[in-house]
Amino acid sequence: MMTIKHVTVQQAHQRQREGASYLDVRSVPEFEQGHPEGAFNVPLLHADPATRQMQPNPEFLSVVRANFPTGTPMVVGCQMGGRSQHACEILANAGFEDVSNVLGGFGGAPQLGHAGWVQAQLPIEQTADAARSYDTLRRKASGGR
């Protein structure tokens, strides 16, 4: 079992500038409200439309696998750092070699002493390039359907 690396948002931004992919595992509506510049969206959980409860995304791993080789350096973020930690564990167990959990995520985890992407005033996008949206990444995983 490999250990998951933890990085601050500043370190995540630096790794991204060095070529790492930022994987935002928040839900599609959260991602669409704003996300780190250049981030790819593959939600770990989806909100169930009926109950509004978060449910695991059964396609999470297959969509990541279809879009990123296992050797891709990845920084994985969510809102505060919890979902991304879980996503890193799934990816590491699936053979991804270089995954780092972004402490504080997008919105920060002040109770844990971690600033988020927003608080650090790092570059944010409201609208993603369609190529980085979950719909596009999921279509690639399902062979274009």
Protein backbone atom coordinates (compact mmCIF):
# COMPACT_ATOMS: atom_id res chain seq x y z
CA MET A 1 0.00 0.00 0.00
CA MET A 2 1.54 3.27 -1.04
CA THR A 3 1.37 6.34 1.11
CA ILE A 4 -0.62 9.35 -0.02
CA LYS A 5 1.32 12.59 -0.22
CA HIS A 6 -0.30 15.73 1.20
CA VAL A 7 0.35 19.14 -0.33
CA THR A 8 -0.76 22.66 0.52
CA VAL A 9 -2.72 24.60 -2.08
CA GLN A 10 0.44 26.57 -2.91
CA GLN A 11 2.37 23.33 -3.45
CA ALA A 12 -0.51 21.95 -5.54
CA HIS A 13 -0.46 25.07 -7.72
CA GLN A 14 3.31 24.75 -8.14
CA ARG A 15 2.99 21.05 -9.07
CA GLN A 16 0.29 21.99 -11.58
CA ARG A 17 2.63 24.56 -13.15
CA GLU A 18 5.22 21.77 -13.40
CA GLY A 19 2.79 19.58 -15.34
CA ALA A 20 0.65 17.77 -12.75
CA SER A 21 -3.07 17.47 -13.48
CA TYR A 22 -5.46 18.97 -10.92
CA LEU A 23 -8.32 16.53 -10.38
CA ASP A 24 -11.30 18.21 -8.70
CA VAL A 25 -13.47 15.46 -7.17
CA ARG A 26 -16.30 17.76 -6.04
CA SER A 27 -19.78 17.42 -7.51
CA VAL A 28 -20.53 18.97 -10.91
CA PRO A 29 -22.59 21.86 -9.39
CA GLU A 30 -19.76 22.66 -6.94
CA PHE A 31 -17.21 22.58 -9.78
CA GLU A 32 -19.39 24.84 -11.94
CA GLN A 33 -19.52 27.48 -9.18
CA GLY A 34 -15.75 27.90 -9.42
CA HIS A 35 -12.64 25.72 -9.35
CA PRO A 36 -8.86 25.92 -9.62
CA GLU A 37 -7.78 27.12 -13.05
CA GLY A 38 -7.05 24.17 -15.33
CA ALA A 39 -8.80 21.59 -13.11
CA PHE A 40 -10.46 18.44 -14.45
CA ASN A 41 -13.77 17.43 -12.83
CA VAL A 42 -14.45 13.78 -11.94
CA PRO A 43 -16.84 13.74 -8.95
CA LEU A 44 -16.20 11.15 -6.24
CA LEU A 45 -19.82 11.60 -5.09
CA HIS A 46 -23.03 12.78 -6.77
CA ALA A 47 -26.03 14.36 -5.04
CA ASP A 48 -29.00 12.02 -5.32
CA PRO A 49 -31.73 14.18 -6.97
CA ALA A 50 -34.48 12.62 -4.83
CA THR A 51 -32.85 12.66 -1.39
CA ARG A 52 -30.15 15.34 -1.91
CA GLN A 53 -27.81 12.90 -0.12
CA MET A 54 -24.34 12.36 -1.55
CA GLN A 55 -23.92 8.93 -3.18
CA PRO A 56 -20.68 7.35 -4.49
CA ASN A 57 -20.08 7.86 -8.22
CA PRO A 58 -19.82 4.27 -9.54
CA GLU A 59 -17.90 5.51 -12.62
CA PHE A 60 -15.24 7.49 -10.71
CA LEU A 61 -12.33 5.10 -11.26
CA SER A 62 -13.24 4.10 -14.82
CA VAL A 63 -13.51 7.76 -15.89
CA VAL A 64 -10.17 8.68 -14.30
CA ARG A 65 -8.53 5.60 -15.89
CA ALA A 66 -9.92 6.47 -19.34
CA ASN A 67 -8.50 10.00 -19.20
CA PHE A 68 -5.22 9.72 -17.28
CA PRO A 69 -2.40 7.15 -17.56
CA THR A 70 -1.47 5.68 -14.15
CA GLY A 71 1.88 7.52 -14.26
CA THR A 72 0.22 10.96 -14.53
CA PRO A 73 1.26 13.22 -11.65
CA MET A 74 -2.02 14.31 -10.03
CA VAL A 75 -3.01 16.71 -7.30
CA VAL A 76 -6.48 15.79 -6.07
CA GLY A 77 -8.71 18.38 -4.45
CA CYS A 78 -12.25 18.80 -3.16
CA GLN A 79 -13.88 21.43 -0.96
CA MET A 80 -11.89 20.87 2.27
CA GLY A 81 -9.71 17.78 1.79
CA GLY A 82 -11.87 14.84 2.92
CA ARG A 83 -13.28 13.55 -0.36
CA SER A 84 -9.93 14.11 -2.07
CA GLN A 85 -8.16 12.01 0.59
CA HIS A 86 -10.63 9.18 -0.12
CA ALA A 87 -10.17 9.65 -3.90
CA CYS A 88 -6.36 9.48 -3.50
CA GLU A 89 -6.70 6.17 -1.63
CA ILE A 90 -8.90 4.73 -4.41
CA LEU A 91 -6.49 5.92 -7.12
CA ALA A 92 -3.36 4.70 -5.29
CA ASN A 93 -4.97 1.28 -4.74
CA ALA A 94 -5.81 1.19 -8.46
CA GLY A 95 -2.16 1.67 -9.42
CA PHE A 96 -1.87 5.45 -9.87
CA GLU A 97 1.72 6.18 -8.88
CA ASP A 98 1.81 9.92 -8.14
CA VAL A 99 -1.28 11.24 -6.37
CA SER A 100 -1.26 14.02 -3.79
CA ASN A 101 -4.15 15.13 -1.61
CA VAL A 102 -4.65 18.91 -1.55
CA LEU A 103 -5.01 19.93 2.10
CA GLY A 104 -7.71 22.57 2.49
CA GLY A 105 -9.06 21.94 -1.02
CA PHE A 106 -10.94 24.72 -2.74
CA GLY A 107 -12.77 26.27 0.20
CA GLY A 108 -10.33 25.71 3.05
CA ALA A 109 -10.43 23.74 6.29
CA PRO A 110 -9.78 26.43 8.93
CA GLN A 111 -10.56 24.03 11.80
CA LEU A 112 -7.59 21.94 10.60
CA GLY A 113 -5.40 24.96 9.91
CA HIS A 114 -5.45 24.56 6.13
CA ALA A 115 -6.05 27.50 3.79
CA GLY A 116 -8.00 26.69 0.65
CA TRP A 117 -7.40 27.68 -2.96
CA VAL A 118 -9.78 30.65 -2.52
CA GLN A 119 -8.08 31.99 0.63
CA ALA A 120 -4.66 31.64 -1.00
CA GLN A 121 -5.95 33.77 -3.91
CA LEU A 122 -4.75 31.25 -6.48
CA PRO A 123 -6.18 31.39 -10.05
CA ILE A 124 -9.86 30.38 -10.27
CA GLU A 125 -12.14 29.70 -13.23
CA GLN A 126 -15.94 29.87 -13.23
CA THR A 127 -16.29 28.13 -16.56
CA ALA A 128 -14.12 25.20 -17.50
CA ASP A 129 -12.92 24.29 -20.92
CA ALA A 130 -15.47 21.68 -22.05
CA ALA A 131 -12.60 19.19 -22.48
CA ARG A 132 -12.14 19.21 -18.68
CA SER A 133 -15.83 18.86 -17.78
CA TYR A 134 -17.18 15.64 -16.30
CA ASP A 135 -19.55 15.11 -19.25
CA THR A 136 -16.65 15.12 -21.72
CA LEU A 137 -14.38 12.96 -19.54
CA ARG A 138 -17.21 10.48 -18.91
CA ARG A 139 -18.02 10.26 -22.66
CA LYS A 140 -14.39 9.33 -23.31
CA ALA A 141 -14.67 6.55 -20.70
CA SER A 142 -17.85 5.15 -22.28
CA GLY A 143 -16.37 5.14 -25.79
CA GLY A 144 -17.93 8.41 -26.95
CA ARG A 145 -21.53 7.69 -25.88
